[in-house]
Amino acid sequence: MEPLRALTRRDLLRLGPAAAGALALGCRPGAPPPPGASAGSRRITGAVVGASHRVGHRLREGTFPAPQQTRDVPVVIVGAGIAGLSAGWKLARSGMRDFLLLELEPEPGGNARWGRNEVSAYPWGAHYVPVPGPEATAVRELLDEMGLVRDHGPDGEPIYDPRHLCHAPQERLYIDGEWRGEISARALTDAGDPAAAAALAAFEADMRRYRDYRDTRGRRAFAVPRAAGTTDAEIVALDALSMRDYFDRAGWASERLRWYVDYCCRDDYGCTLDTTSAWAGWHYFCSRPADAEYLTWPEGNGRIVRHLMADLAPRVSTGMLVYRLRSGSDAGADPAPHDGVAVDALDTRAETAVRFRARHVIYALPRFTARRVIEGYPPAGTTLEAFTYCPWMVANLTVDRLPDGAAWDNVLYDSPAVGYVVATHQNLRVAPGPSVLTYYLPLTPPNPEIARTWMLERSWDDWVALIFADLSQAHPGIESLVSHVDVMLWGHAMIRPVPGFLWGAARSAGRRHGAIHFAHSDMSGLSLFEEAQYHGVRAAEEVLRELGHPHPSSL
């Protein structure tokens, strides 16, 4: 237990004051949890509701019952997160209906899962989609299908229904004992500090330079999806540096500028200034326009999951743990056994196994799982150690009313968390009332494995104490508003774009393994909706081509 003790006493400084505050409130490893949290005379209910890590960890044991039945399915998609659902979406839109999606969790959606209570729907992870640029053609196609495009401008650009664009006030930051209405480097910079003002000016100049950059083929330095961006050596070389290295070389010592960029890296990547590749850091600031707008809903990106599932639900089987993929003659797939794949899956509710014989498999799970699932993977010379993932804790707090002045996105300066969003923000109502606050905490120590261990050993009471210790800085007595807290623990929530990974050999090695086509956002190295969708659609189009099924490309 020494590594865990080290985290709770030293590395907790990387988790920040809220985690330390939780320990101060009596949240010690191994302490028996009380039956519930209390705020005065009120009892706060709730639970740790997922994810299903204990079931997933059965892959480590490797002991499963033999399949009791066999089914032939031309295409099996493993994983019903955004990548897997997008693959199914593309197959179905192309008239290919003979496929199946297998998902471990009780609900599909991956990091875009959502929940609902008597107050509101709310997200369990991803909670918005930036209005897509011209490179994100598949995203535009999907949003148009969802009925979100109201019209097109003279330049042909889509005009989105304002009901789905984030309403004002969009954001606020708690700093120096007060709330401010903007979260930006400029808003944080003290104009009276010449060194800070100079650092801000240089930072913004580099931002403009990268935004305006075009290579000889007209490609931008940073694009979404990233496959549309440049491969010029000048831009690729940024991946060798951390964002802190970049700041140090530039001489930008402004504490608040560094905090702001660190916050952005934690928010989008689950990494810090030290552990984020400078390429990824500048991608955050330069891949979208400065005046980008955001589409959001009470359930966050669960709204997209709902739309996709309206058509795909009959083909999605949840509670299915895929534990073995076997390619080649042993697969027994017809009509070409040497190209087929045997997919063995455990129905976790019935504890029975079934074998699916498929001509193609779309593997829409994080790549680190492949070595425990795909026989013969990784091939010689390929390593998966470079794929590392940040754990996150996400909690949904049901409150009697909103904290005063709440915006959609509410962030506390110098907090280990990245704030909370308001699920009811998009509601058009006159009278205030109950709401749900979705609180996000990335666990960002340099060693994510230690952070995962620490996370999974915490009780519900520990997490509630941690959340209140953090939020009470800005909202004294916040617990008196809260009636219910549910907690989701994402052990491998986001691929970490650490220095050297985004343009390294490990990430770029192989989009497929025989008849197994990989599709997941970690293939881009950026845990973004657009990247997950891109790789799902790309893999589906590969399968359609090889099956000889005509289709228009969405990419």
Protein backbone atom coordinates (compact mmCIF):
# COMPACT_ATOMS: atom_id res chain seq x y z
CA MET A 1 0.00 0.00 0.00
CA GLU A 2 2.99 2.40 0.06
CA PRO A 3 2.33 3.82 -3.45
CA LEU A 4 -1.24 4.61 -2.37
CA ARG A 5 -0.05 6.19 0.90
CA ALA A 6 2.42 8.27 -1.09
CA LEU A 7 -0.40 9.55 -3.25
CA THR A 8 -2.59 10.50 -0.33
CA ARG A 9 0.18 12.45 1.39
CA ARG A 10 2.39 13.86 -1.34
CA ASP A 11 0.85 13.44 -4.78
CA LEU A 12 -2.44 14.76 -3.44
CA LEU A 13 -0.80 18.14 -3.83
CA ARG A 14 -1.24 17.52 -7.55
CA LEU A 15 -4.92 16.84 -6.94
CA GLY A 16 -5.13 20.15 -5.11
CA PRO A 17 -6.69 21.64 -2.00
CA ALA A 18 -10.06 19.95 -2.40
CA ALA A 19 -8.56 16.48 -2.07
CA ALA A 20 -6.54 17.61 0.93
CA GLY A 21 -9.73 19.11 2.33
CA ALA A 22 -11.50 15.79 1.93
CA LEU A 23 -8.80 14.11 4.01
CA ALA A 24 -9.10 16.85 6.60
CA LEU A 25 -12.80 16.04 6.84
CA GLY A 26 -11.97 12.49 7.88
CA CYS A 27 -11.89 10.65 4.54
CA ARG A 28 -9.13 8.19 5.29
CA PRO A 29 -8.32 5.05 3.24
CA GLY A 30 -10.14 2.08 4.70
CA ALA A 31 -12.32 4.05 7.11
CA PRO A 32 -15.82 2.51 7.38
CA PRO A 33 -18.22 4.92 5.64
CA PRO A 34 -21.15 6.30 7.63
CA PRO A 35 -24.61 5.45 6.30
CA GLY A 36 -24.95 8.80 4.53
CA ALA A 37 -23.88 12.41 4.48
CA SER A 38 -25.78 15.02 6.41
CA ALA A 39 -26.22 18.76 6.04
CA GLY A 40 -27.84 20.01 9.23
CA SER A 41 -31.05 18.05 9.60
CA ARG A 42 -31.05 16.99 5.94
CA ARG A 43 -29.81 13.62 4.84
CA ILE A 44 -28.05 13.61 1.47
CA THR A 45 -28.61 10.43 -0.50
CA GLY A 46 -26.68 8.97 -3.40
CA ALA A 47 -24.22 6.32 -4.50
CA VAL A 48 -21.23 5.50 -6.66
CA VAL A 49 -23.12 4.39 -9.78
CA GLY A 50 -20.33 3.20 -12.10
CA ALA A 51 -18.57 2.61 -14.34
CA SER A 52 -18.44 -1.20 -14.50
CA HIS A 53 -14.74 -1.52 -13.72
CA ARG A 54 -15.10 -4.72 -11.69
CA VAL A 55 -16.67 -6.50 -14.66
CA GLY A 56 -14.14 -5.08 -17.08
CA HIS A 57 -11.27 -6.17 -14.83
CA ARG A 58 -12.32 -9.77 -15.38
CA LEU A 59 -10.25 -9.53 -18.57
CA ARG A 60 -7.19 -9.67 -16.32
CA GLU A 61 -8.30 -13.02 -14.91
CA GLY A 62 -8.92 -14.51 -18.33
CA THR A 63 -11.28 -17.26 -17.10
CA PHE A 64 -14.57 -17.40 -18.99
CA PRO A 65 -17.12 -20.11 -19.78
CA ALA A 66 -17.00 -21.71 -23.20
CA PRO A 67 -19.50 -20.27 -25.71
CA GLN A 68 -22.80 -22.15 -25.62
CA GLN A 69 -24.09 -20.86 -28.95
CA THR A 70 -22.78 -19.48 -32.22
CA ARG A 71 -24.27 -16.74 -34.38
CA ASP A 72 -23.18 -15.51 -37.80
CA VAL A 73 -23.15 -11.73 -38.21
CA PRO A 74 -21.29 -10.06 -41.10
CA VAL A 75 -20.10 -7.13 -38.99
CA VAL A 76 -19.64 -6.87 -35.21
CA ILE A 77 -18.86 -3.54 -33.56
CA VAL A 78 -17.19 -3.90 -30.16
CA GLY A 79 -17.99 -0.92 -27.95
CA ALA A 80 -21.02 1.39 -28.15
CA GLY A 81 -19.36 4.66 -27.26
CA ILE A 82 -19.40 7.50 -29.76
CA ALA A 83 -16.92 5.74 -32.07
CA GLY A 84 -18.91 2.50 -32.13
CA LEU A 85 -22.27 4.23 -32.45
CA SER A 86 -20.88 6.39 -35.26
CA ALA A 87 -19.68 3.28 -37.08
CA GLY A 88 -23.16 1.81 -36.76
CA TRP A 89 -24.69 5.10 -37.89
CA LYS A 90 -22.61 5.10 -41.06
CA LEU A 91 -23.37 1.44 -41.83
CA ALA A 92 -27.10 1.99 -41.33
CA ARG A 93 -27.19 5.21 -43.36
CA SER A 94 -25.52 3.32 -46.18
CA GLY A 95 -28.22 0.65 -46.17
CA MET A 96 -26.09 -1.96 -44.40
CA ARG A 97 -28.29 -3.32 -41.62
CA ASP A 98 -26.80 -6.73 -40.81
CA PHE A 99 -24.49 -5.83 -37.95
CA LEU A 100 -24.41 -5.92 -34.16
CA LEU A 101 -22.96 -3.62 -31.46
CA LEU A 102 -21.73 -5.18 -28.21
CA GLU A 103 -21.35 -2.95 -25.13
CA LEU A 104 -20.16 -3.82 -21.61
CA GLU A 105 -21.98 -1.05 -19.74
CA PRO A 106 -25.73 -1.18 -19.04
CA GLU A 107 -26.23 1.88 -21.26
CA PRO A 108 -24.51 2.86 -24.50
CA GLY A 109 -22.71 6.14 -25.06
CA GLY A 110 -19.30 5.74 -23.41
CA ASN A 111 -18.15 9.13 -22.12
CA ALA A 112 -21.33 10.63 -23.57
CA ARG A 113 -23.61 8.61 -21.27
CA TRP A 114 -26.31 10.51 -19.47
CA GLY A 115 -28.85 10.11 -16.69
CA ARG A 116 -32.15 11.59 -15.57
CA ASN A 117 -33.97 12.21 -12.30
CA GLU A 118 -37.17 14.01 -11.34
CA VAL A 119 -35.46 17.39 -11.85
CA SER A 120 -33.59 17.07 -15.13
CA ALA A 121 -31.55 15.02 -17.52
CA TYR A 122 -27.79 15.45 -16.96
CA PRO A 123 -24.50 14.32 -18.49
CA TRP A 124 -22.07 11.77 -17.11
CA GLY A 125 -19.22 13.06 -19.23
CA ALA A 126 -19.08 15.02 -22.47
CA HIS A 127 -21.56 17.88 -22.31
CA TYR A 128 -21.18 19.94 -25.49
CA VAL A 129 -20.11 19.93 -29.14
CA PRO A 130 -18.45 23.00 -30.66
CA VAL A 131 -20.15 24.19 -33.84
CA PRO A 132 -18.19 22.18 -36.42
CA GLY A 133 -15.87 23.77 -38.94
CA PRO A 134 -15.73 22.86 -42.64
CA GLU A 135 -13.29 19.96 -42.08
CA ALA A 136 -15.73 18.13 -39.78
CA THR A 137 -18.01 16.99 -42.60
CA ALA A 138 -19.35 13.92 -40.80
CA VAL A 139 -20.29 16.00 -37.74
CA ARG A 140 -22.13 18.47 -39.95
CA GLU A 141 -23.98 15.62 -41.65
CA LEU A 142 -25.07 14.22 -38.28
CA LEU A 143 -26.19 17.57 -36.84
CA ASP A 144 -28.18 18.29 -40.00
CA GLU A 145 -29.86 14.88 -39.67
CA MET A 146 -30.72 15.75 -36.05
CA GLY A 147 -32.63 18.82 -37.26
CA LEU A 148 -30.26 21.29 -35.61
CA VAL A 149 -29.54 23.26 -38.79
CA ARG A 150 -32.13 25.99 -39.25
CA ASP A 151 -30.83 27.48 -42.50
CA HIS A 152 -27.70 28.18 -44.51
CA GLY A 153 -26.00 31.53 -44.97
CA PRO A 154 -24.98 33.17 -48.28
CA ASP A 155 -21.64 31.38 -48.01
CA GLY A 156 -23.38 28.02 -47.63
CA GLU A 157 -22.40 27.71 -43.97
CA PRO A 158 -25.04 26.09 -41.74
CA ILE A 159 -26.96 28.30 -39.33
CA TYR A 160 -27.80 26.36 -36.17
CA ASP A 161 -31.05 26.59 -34.25
CA PRO A 162 -30.34 29.06 -31.43
CA ARG A 163 -32.34 26.96 -28.99
CA HIS A 164 -29.48 24.46 -29.01
CA LEU A 165 -26.63 26.97 -28.84
CA CYS A 166 -25.37 27.65 -25.32
CA HIS A 167 -27.41 30.45 -23.75
CA ALA A 168 -25.96 33.36 -21.78
CA PRO A 169 -24.43 33.57 -19.26
CA GLN A 170 -22.05 30.93 -20.59
CA GLU A 171 -19.24 31.00 -18.04
CA ARG A 172 -17.82 32.56 -14.91
CA LEU A 173 -14.68 32.20 -12.80
CA TYR A 174 -14.34 32.44 -9.02
CA ILE A 175 -11.09 34.23 -8.18
CA ASP A 176 -9.94 36.66 -5.49
CA GLY A 177 -13.11 36.04 -3.53
CA GLU A 178 -15.53 36.99 -6.29
CA TRP A 179 -17.11 35.71 -9.49
CA ARG A 180 -15.99 37.14 -12.81
CA GLY A 181 -17.93 36.70 -16.02
CA GLU A 182 -15.22 35.43 -18.35
CA ILE A 183 -12.65 32.62 -18.34
CA SER A 184 -9.78 33.74 -20.55
CA ALA A 185 -6.12 34.62 -20.42
CA ARG A 186 -6.91 38.26 -21.08
CA ALA A 187 -9.49 38.46 -18.27
CA LEU A 188 -6.95 37.00 -15.83
CA THR A 189 -4.06 39.29 -16.76
CA ASP A 190 -3.32 42.28 -14.57
CA ALA A 191 -2.81 45.14 -17.02
CA GLY A 192 -0.74 46.87 -14.38
CA ASP A 193 1.85 44.09 -14.37
CA PRO A 194 4.18 44.75 -17.34
CA ALA A 195 5.68 41.24 -17.33
CA ALA A 196 2.24 39.58 -17.30
CA ALA A 197 0.96 41.91 -20.02
CA ALA A 198 4.01 41.14 -22.18
CA ALA A 199 3.55 37.41 -21.69
CA LEU A 200 -0.13 37.69 -22.66
CA ALA A 201 0.73 39.70 -25.79
CA ALA A 202 3.33 37.12 -26.88
CA PHE A 203 0.95 34.24 -26.13
CA GLU A 204 -1.80 35.82 -28.21
CA ALA A 205 0.64 36.55 -31.04
CA ASP A 206 1.62 32.87 -31.20
CA MET A 207 -2.05 31.93 -31.11
CA ARG A 208 -2.76 34.15 -34.13
CA ARG A 209 0.27 32.77 -35.95
CA TYR A 210 -0.85 29.18 -35.52
CA ARG A 211 -4.46 29.99 -36.37
CA ASP A 212 -3.41 31.71 -39.60
CA TYR A 213 -0.89 29.04 -40.58
CA ARG A 214 -1.43 27.29 -43.92
CA ASP A 215 0.88 24.76 -45.53
CA THR A 216 1.52 24.44 -49.26
CA ARG A 217 -1.64 22.31 -49.59
CA GLY A 218 -3.75 24.87 -47.75
CA ARG A 219 -4.02 22.76 -44.60
CA ARG A 220 -4.22 24.49 -41.25
CA ALA A 221 -1.71 23.87 -38.46
CA PHE A 222 -4.44 22.37 -36.28
CA ALA A 223 -7.77 21.05 -37.51
CA VAL A 224 -10.73 19.05 -36.24
CA PRO A 225 -10.57 16.21 -37.04
CA ARG A 226 -6.81 16.28 -36.75
CA ALA A 227 -6.43 14.17 -39.92
CA ALA A 228 -7.28 17.35 -41.88
CA GLY A 229 -4.35 19.29 -40.40
CA THR A 230 -0.83 19.79 -41.66
CA THR A 231 2.05 17.33 -41.37
CA ASP A 232 4.68 20.06 -41.73
CA ALA A 233 7.77 19.40 -39.62
CA GLU A 234 7.59 22.82 -37.95
CA ILE A 235 4.20 22.01 -36.43
CA VAL A 236 4.86 18.32 -35.77
CA ALA A 237 7.99 19.28 -33.80
CA LEU A 238 5.78 20.86 -31.12
CA ASP A 239 4.86 17.35 -29.98
CA ALA A 240 8.37 16.83 -28.60
CA LEU A 241 7.77 19.56 -26.00
CA SER A 242 5.44 19.84 -23.06
CA MET A 243 3.35 22.97 -22.76
CA ARG A 244 5.51 23.92 -19.76
CA ASP A 245 8.63 23.53 -21.92
CA TYR A 246 7.06 25.89 -24.46
CA PHE A 247 6.28 28.46 -21.77
CA ASP A 248 9.74 28.18 -20.25
CA ARG A 249 11.48 28.62 -23.60
CA ALA A 250 9.29 31.63 -24.37
CA GLY A 251 9.98 33.11 -20.94
CA TRP A 252 6.31 33.43 -20.03
CA ALA A 253 6.40 33.48 -16.25
CA SER A 254 2.91 34.90 -15.63
CA GLU A 255 1.39 32.71 -12.92
CA ARG A 256 -2.20 33.34 -13.99
CA LEU A 257 -1.48 32.77 -17.67
CA ARG A 258 0.10 29.45 -16.74
CA TRP A 259 -2.88 28.56 -14.56
CA TYR A 260 -5.28 29.36 -17.39
CA VAL A 261 -3.47 27.17 -19.93
CA ASP A 262 -3.07 24.41 -17.33
CA TYR A 263 -6.83 24.59 -16.66
CA CYS A 264 -7.55 24.29 -20.40
CA CYS A 265 -5.27 21.24 -20.67
CA ARG A 266 -6.95 19.58 -17.69
CA ASP A 267 -10.40 20.37 -19.05
CA ASP A 268 -9.90 18.97 -22.56
CA TYR A 269 -7.17 16.38 -22.03
CA GLY A 270 -6.99 15.40 -18.36
CA CYS A 271 -3.35 16.54 -18.41
CA THR A 272 -1.42 19.41 -16.86
CA LEU A 273 0.97 21.99 -18.24
CA ASP A 274 3.74 19.46 -17.50
CA THR A 275 2.12 16.45 -19.15
CA THR A 276 0.37 17.97 -22.17
CA SER A 277 2.21 17.94 -25.49
CA ALA A 278 2.72 21.49 -26.78
CA TRP A 279 1.12 20.31 -30.04
CA ALA A 280 -2.04 19.36 -28.12
CA GLY A 281 -1.93 22.57 -26.12
CA TRP A 282 -1.90 24.74 -29.21
CA HIS A 283 -4.49 22.51 -30.86
CA TYR A 284 -6.85 23.46 -28.03
CA PHE A 285 -6.46 27.17 -28.77
CA CYS A 286 -6.02 27.18 -32.55
CA SER A 287 -8.12 24.37 -34.07
CA ARG A 288 -11.37 26.33 -33.65
CA PRO A 289 -12.26 29.99 -34.29
CA ALA A 290 -11.84 32.49 -31.47
CA ASP A 291 -15.61 33.11 -31.44
CA ALA A 292 -16.61 29.43 -31.47
CA GLU A 293 -20.15 28.63 -30.35
CA TYR A 294 -21.27 25.49 -28.55
CA LEU A 295 -24.22 23.16 -28.90
CA THR A 296 -25.39 21.80 -25.57
CA TRP A 297 -28.39 20.10 -23.96
CA PRO A 298 -29.44 19.12 -20.41
CA GLU A 299 -28.08 15.59 -20.96
CA GLY A 300 -24.98 16.91 -22.72
CA ASN A 301 -23.83 14.71 -25.59
CA GLY A 302 -26.34 12.15 -24.40
CA ARG A 303 -28.66 14.02 -26.76
CA ILE A 304 -26.55 12.70 -29.64
CA VAL A 305 -26.55 9.21 -28.15
CA ARG A 306 -30.36 9.34 -27.94
CA HIS A 307 -30.56 10.29 -31.61
CA LEU A 308 -28.20 7.53 -32.72
CA MET A 309 -29.94 4.93 -30.57
CA ALA A 310 -33.34 5.74 -32.04
CA ASP A 311 -32.23 3.78 -35.11
CA LEU A 312 -29.53 1.51 -33.68
CA ALA A 313 -31.24 0.22 -30.51
CA PRO A 314 -32.35 -3.14 -32.03
CA ARG A 315 -28.70 -3.87 -32.91
CA VAL A 316 -27.14 -2.89 -29.56
CA SER A 317 -26.61 -5.53 -26.88
CA THR A 318 -25.52 -4.13 -23.50
CA GLY A 319 -23.98 -6.01 -20.59
CA MET A 320 -21.77 -7.90 -23.05
CA LEU A 321 -18.09 -8.30 -22.15
CA VAL A 322 -16.11 -9.18 -25.27
CA TYR A 323 -13.21 -11.26 -23.97
CA ARG A 324 -11.67 -12.81 -27.06
CA LEU A 325 -11.25 -12.00 -30.74
CA ARG A 326 -9.64 -14.69 -32.86
CA SER A 327 -8.77 -14.09 -36.50
CA GLY A 328 -7.99 -16.54 -39.29
CA SER A 329 -9.01 -20.12 -39.94
CA ASP A 330 -9.90 -20.70 -36.28
CA ALA A 331 -12.65 -18.12 -36.59
CA GLY A 332 -14.78 -20.39 -38.75
CA ALA A 333 -16.47 -17.48 -40.48
CA ASP A 334 -18.05 -17.96 -43.89
CA PRO A 335 -17.55 -17.53 -46.75
CA ALA A 336 -13.86 -16.64 -46.25
CA PRO A 337 -12.55 -18.32 -43.08
CA HIS A 338 -9.07 -16.83 -43.45
CA ASP A 339 -10.55 -13.33 -43.28
CA GLY A 340 -13.10 -13.92 -40.54
CA VAL A 341 -13.09 -13.15 -36.83
CA ALA A 342 -14.57 -15.16 -33.97
CA VAL A 343 -15.97 -12.82 -31.32
CA ASP A 344 -16.48 -14.42 -27.90
CA ALA A 345 -18.60 -12.40 -25.49
CA LEU A 346 -19.92 -12.96 -21.99
CA ASP A 347 -23.49 -11.98 -21.21
CA THR A 348 -22.74 -10.57 -17.74
CA ARG A 349 -26.35 -10.87 -16.61
CA ALA A 350 -26.83 -14.54 -17.50
CA GLU A 351 -23.13 -15.51 -17.08
CA THR A 352 -23.28 -17.34 -20.39
CA ALA A 353 -21.00 -16.88 -23.39
CA VAL A 354 -21.83 -16.65 -27.07
CA ARG A 355 -19.60 -16.72 -30.16
CA PHE A 356 -20.28 -14.42 -33.08
CA ARG A 357 -18.67 -15.31 -36.40
CA ALA A 358 -18.04 -12.13 -38.34
CA ARG A 359 -16.38 -11.19 -41.60
CA HIS A 360 -15.31 -7.86 -40.13
CA VAL A 361 -14.99 -6.44 -36.61
CA ILE A 362 -14.85 -2.75 -35.74
CA TYR A 363 -12.95 -2.49 -32.46
CA ALA A 364 -14.23 0.72 -30.87
CA LEU A 365 -12.61 0.25 -27.46
CA PRO A 366 -9.53 1.99 -26.04
CA ARG A 367 -6.40 0.43 -27.49
CA PHE A 368 -4.96 -0.64 -24.13
CA THR A 369 -7.65 -3.34 -23.91
CA ALA A 370 -6.60 -4.96 -27.20
CA ARG A 371 -3.76 -7.01 -25.74
CA ARG A 372 -6.21 -8.78 -23.39
CA VAL A 373 -8.89 -9.30 -26.02
CA ILE A 374 -7.30 -9.83 -29.45
CA GLU A 375 -5.28 -13.01 -29.81
CA GLY A 376 -1.84 -12.32 -31.26
CA TYR A 377 -1.99 -8.60 -30.52
CA PRO A 378 0.06 -6.50 -30.46
CA PRO A 379 2.24 -7.76 -33.30
CA ALA A 380 6.01 -7.94 -32.85
CA GLY A 381 7.60 -4.52 -32.67
CA THR A 382 4.41 -2.79 -31.50
CA THR A 383 3.98 -1.51 -27.96
CA LEU A 384 0.85 -0.28 -26.19
CA GLU A 385 2.60 1.28 -23.18
CA ALA A 386 2.48 4.67 -24.88
CA PHE A 387 -1.34 4.66 -24.62
CA THR A 388 -2.08 6.15 -21.19
CA TYR A 389 -5.43 7.37 -19.87
CA CYS A 390 -6.53 9.94 -17.32
CA PRO A 391 -9.09 8.87 -14.70
CA TRP A 392 -11.96 11.24 -13.91
CA MET A 393 -14.56 11.52 -11.20
CA VAL A 394 -17.87 13.05 -12.33
CA ALA A 395 -20.65 13.76 -9.85
CA ASN A 396 -24.20 14.97 -10.33
CA LEU A 397 -25.57 17.02 -7.44
CA THR A 398 -29.32 17.60 -7.19
CA VAL A 399 -29.91 21.02 -5.62
CA ASP A 400 -33.03 22.80 -4.37
CA ARG A 401 -31.98 25.91 -6.27
CA LEU A 402 -29.00 27.18 -8.21
CA PRO A 403 -26.18 29.03 -6.48
CA ASP A 404 -26.61 32.76 -6.99
CA GLY A 405 -25.59 34.01 -10.42
CA ALA A 406 -24.85 30.56 -11.83
CA ALA A 407 -23.69 30.41 -15.45
CA TRP A 408 -23.61 27.32 -17.65
CA ASP A 409 -19.93 26.66 -16.85
CA ASN A 410 -18.66 27.62 -13.39
CA VAL A 411 -14.95 27.33 -12.59
CA LEU A 412 -12.95 27.92 -9.40
CA TYR A 413 -9.44 29.33 -9.74
CA ASP A 414 -6.69 27.07 -8.37
CA SER A 415 -9.08 24.16 -7.82
CA PRO A 416 -8.08 20.61 -8.83
CA ALA A 417 -11.52 20.27 -10.43
CA VAL A 418 -12.54 22.00 -13.64
CA GLY A 419 -15.79 23.28 -12.19
CA TYR A 420 -19.42 22.38 -12.71
CA VAL A 421 -22.02 22.85 -15.42
CA VAL A 422 -25.73 23.45 -14.88
CA ALA A 423 -27.98 20.82 -16.46
CA THR A 424 -31.03 23.11 -16.53
CA HIS A 425 -29.20 26.05 -18.09
CA GLN A 426 -30.89 25.65 -21.48
CA ASN A 427 -34.38 25.58 -19.95
CA LEU A 428 -36.50 28.60 -20.87
CA ARG A 429 -38.38 29.16 -17.66
CA VAL A 430 -39.40 32.22 -15.67
CA ALA A 431 -39.23 30.96 -12.09
CA PRO A 432 -36.03 29.44 -10.64
CA GLY A 433 -36.24 25.98 -9.14
CA PRO A 434 -34.33 22.77 -8.51
CA SER A 435 -31.44 21.88 -10.75
CA VAL A 436 -28.56 19.45 -11.22
CA LEU A 437 -24.90 20.48 -11.08
CA THR A 438 -22.43 18.24 -12.91
CA TYR A 439 -19.02 18.43 -11.22
CA TYR A 440 -15.85 17.35 -13.03
CA LEU A 441 -12.57 16.28 -11.40
CA PRO A 442 -9.69 14.96 -13.54
CA LEU A 443 -7.07 13.06 -11.53
CA THR A 444 -3.86 14.35 -13.04
CA PRO A 445 -0.80 12.99 -11.16
CA PRO A 446 1.98 12.01 -13.61
CA ASN A 447 1.28 8.33 -12.90
CA PRO A 448 -2.38 7.68 -13.82
CA GLU A 449 -2.22 4.09 -12.54
CA ILE A 450 -1.63 5.30 -8.99
CA ALA A 451 -4.43 7.84 -9.41
CA ARG A 452 -6.79 5.08 -10.58
CA THR A 453 -5.97 2.96 -7.55
CA TRP A 454 -6.59 5.89 -5.23
CA MET A 455 -9.84 6.74 -7.00
CA LEU A 456 -11.29 3.23 -6.77
CA GLU A 457 -10.51 2.99 -3.05
CA ARG A 458 -12.53 6.09 -2.18
CA SER A 459 -16.03 5.69 -0.79
CA TRP A 460 -19.07 7.74 -1.75
CA ASP A 461 -18.71 9.68 1.52
CA ASP A 462 -15.12 10.52 0.61
CA TRP A 463 -16.18 11.97 -2.73
CA VAL A 464 -19.04 13.99 -1.23
CA ALA A 465 -16.67 15.46 1.37
CA LEU A 466 -14.16 16.33 -1.35
CA ILE A 467 -16.78 18.04 -3.52
CA PHE A 468 -18.15 20.11 -0.65
CA ALA A 469 -14.63 21.08 0.51
CA ASP A 470 -13.94 22.41 -2.99
CA LEU A 471 -17.25 24.12 -3.77
CA SER A 472 -17.61 25.70 -0.34
CA GLN A 473 -14.75 28.06 -1.25
CA ALA A 474 -17.16 29.83 -3.60
CA HIS A 475 -20.47 28.65 -2.11
CA PRO A 476 -20.32 28.58 1.71
CA GLY A 477 -22.98 26.22 2.99
CA ILE A 478 -23.47 24.59 -0.45
CA GLU A 479 -24.36 21.31 1.26
CA SER A 480 -27.59 22.86 2.56
CA LEU A 481 -28.84 23.08 -1.05
CA VAL A 482 -27.96 19.48 -1.96
CA SER A 483 -30.35 16.56 -1.58
CA HIS A 484 -28.68 13.87 -3.70
CA VAL A 485 -25.20 13.13 -5.09
CA ASP A 486 -24.38 10.35 -7.53
CA VAL A 487 -20.78 9.65 -8.52
CA MET A 488 -19.32 8.12 -11.68
CA LEU A 489 -15.71 6.89 -11.72
CA TRP A 490 -14.13 6.77 -15.17
CA GLY A 491 -10.91 4.77 -14.83
CA HIS A 492 -9.73 5.35 -18.40
CA ALA A 493 -11.76 8.40 -19.31
CA MET A 494 -9.43 10.18 -21.74
CA ILE A 495 -6.35 9.32 -23.77
CA ARG A 496 -3.45 11.47 -22.52
CA PRO A 497 -1.72 13.51 -25.27
CA VAL A 498 1.62 13.46 -23.46
CA PRO A 499 4.75 14.76 -25.24
CA GLY A 500 5.84 12.48 -28.06
CA PHE A 501 2.65 10.46 -28.26
CA LEU A 502 0.58 12.34 -30.84
CA TRP A 503 3.16 12.00 -33.62
CA GLY A 504 4.91 8.91 -32.25
CA ALA A 505 5.13 5.49 -33.81
CA ALA A 506 2.93 3.74 -31.22
CA ARG A 507 -0.17 5.86 -31.91
CA SER A 508 0.19 5.79 -35.67
CA ALA A 509 1.00 2.08 -35.97
CA GLY A 510 -1.78 0.23 -37.73
CA ARG A 511 -5.44 1.12 -38.22
CA ARG A 512 -6.33 -2.57 -38.43
CA HIS A 513 -5.28 -6.07 -37.49
CA GLY A 514 -6.45 -8.43 -40.22
CA ALA A 515 -10.22 -8.12 -40.42
CA ILE A 516 -10.28 -6.11 -37.18
CA HIS A 517 -10.61 -2.36 -37.83
CA PHE A 518 -9.67 -0.04 -34.97
CA ALA A 519 -11.97 2.89 -34.25
CA HIS A 520 -11.61 5.09 -31.17
CA SER A 521 -10.65 8.65 -30.29
CA ASP A 522 -7.35 7.36 -28.88
CA MET A 523 -6.28 6.76 -32.48
CA SER A 524 -6.11 10.54 -32.75
CA GLY A 525 -4.64 10.97 -29.29
CA LEU A 526 -7.34 13.53 -28.48
CA SER A 527 -10.47 12.56 -26.54
CA LEU A 528 -12.86 14.71 -28.55
CA PHE A 529 -16.31 13.91 -29.90
CA GLU A 530 -15.24 14.79 -33.45
CA GLU A 531 -12.25 12.44 -33.31
CA ALA A 532 -14.30 9.52 -32.00
CA GLN A 533 -16.92 10.08 -34.69
CA TYR A 534 -14.29 10.42 -37.41
CA HIS A 535 -12.65 7.10 -36.60
CA GLY A 536 -15.98 5.30 -36.25
CA VAL A 537 -17.13 6.55 -39.65
CA ARG A 538 -13.71 5.87 -41.21
CA ALA A 539 -13.71 2.26 -40.00
CA ALA A 540 -17.29 1.76 -41.21
CA GLU A 541 -16.38 3.05 -44.66
CA GLU A 542 -13.41 0.65 -44.79
CA VAL A 543 -15.77 -2.23 -44.05
CA LEU A 544 -18.33 -1.07 -46.60
CA ARG A 545 -15.67 -0.86 -49.31
CA GLU A 546 -14.38 -4.34 -48.57
CA LEU A 547 -17.87 -5.78 -48.53
CA GLY A 548 -18.51 -4.13 -51.89
CA HIS A 549 -21.40 -2.12 -50.45
CA PRO A 550 -21.90 1.19 -52.30
CA HIS A 551 -21.95 4.30 -50.15
CA PRO A 552 -21.13 8.02 -50.30
CA SER A 553 -18.25 9.04 -48.09
CA SER A 554 -18.99 11.26 -45.09
CA LEU A 555 -15.33 12.23 -44.68
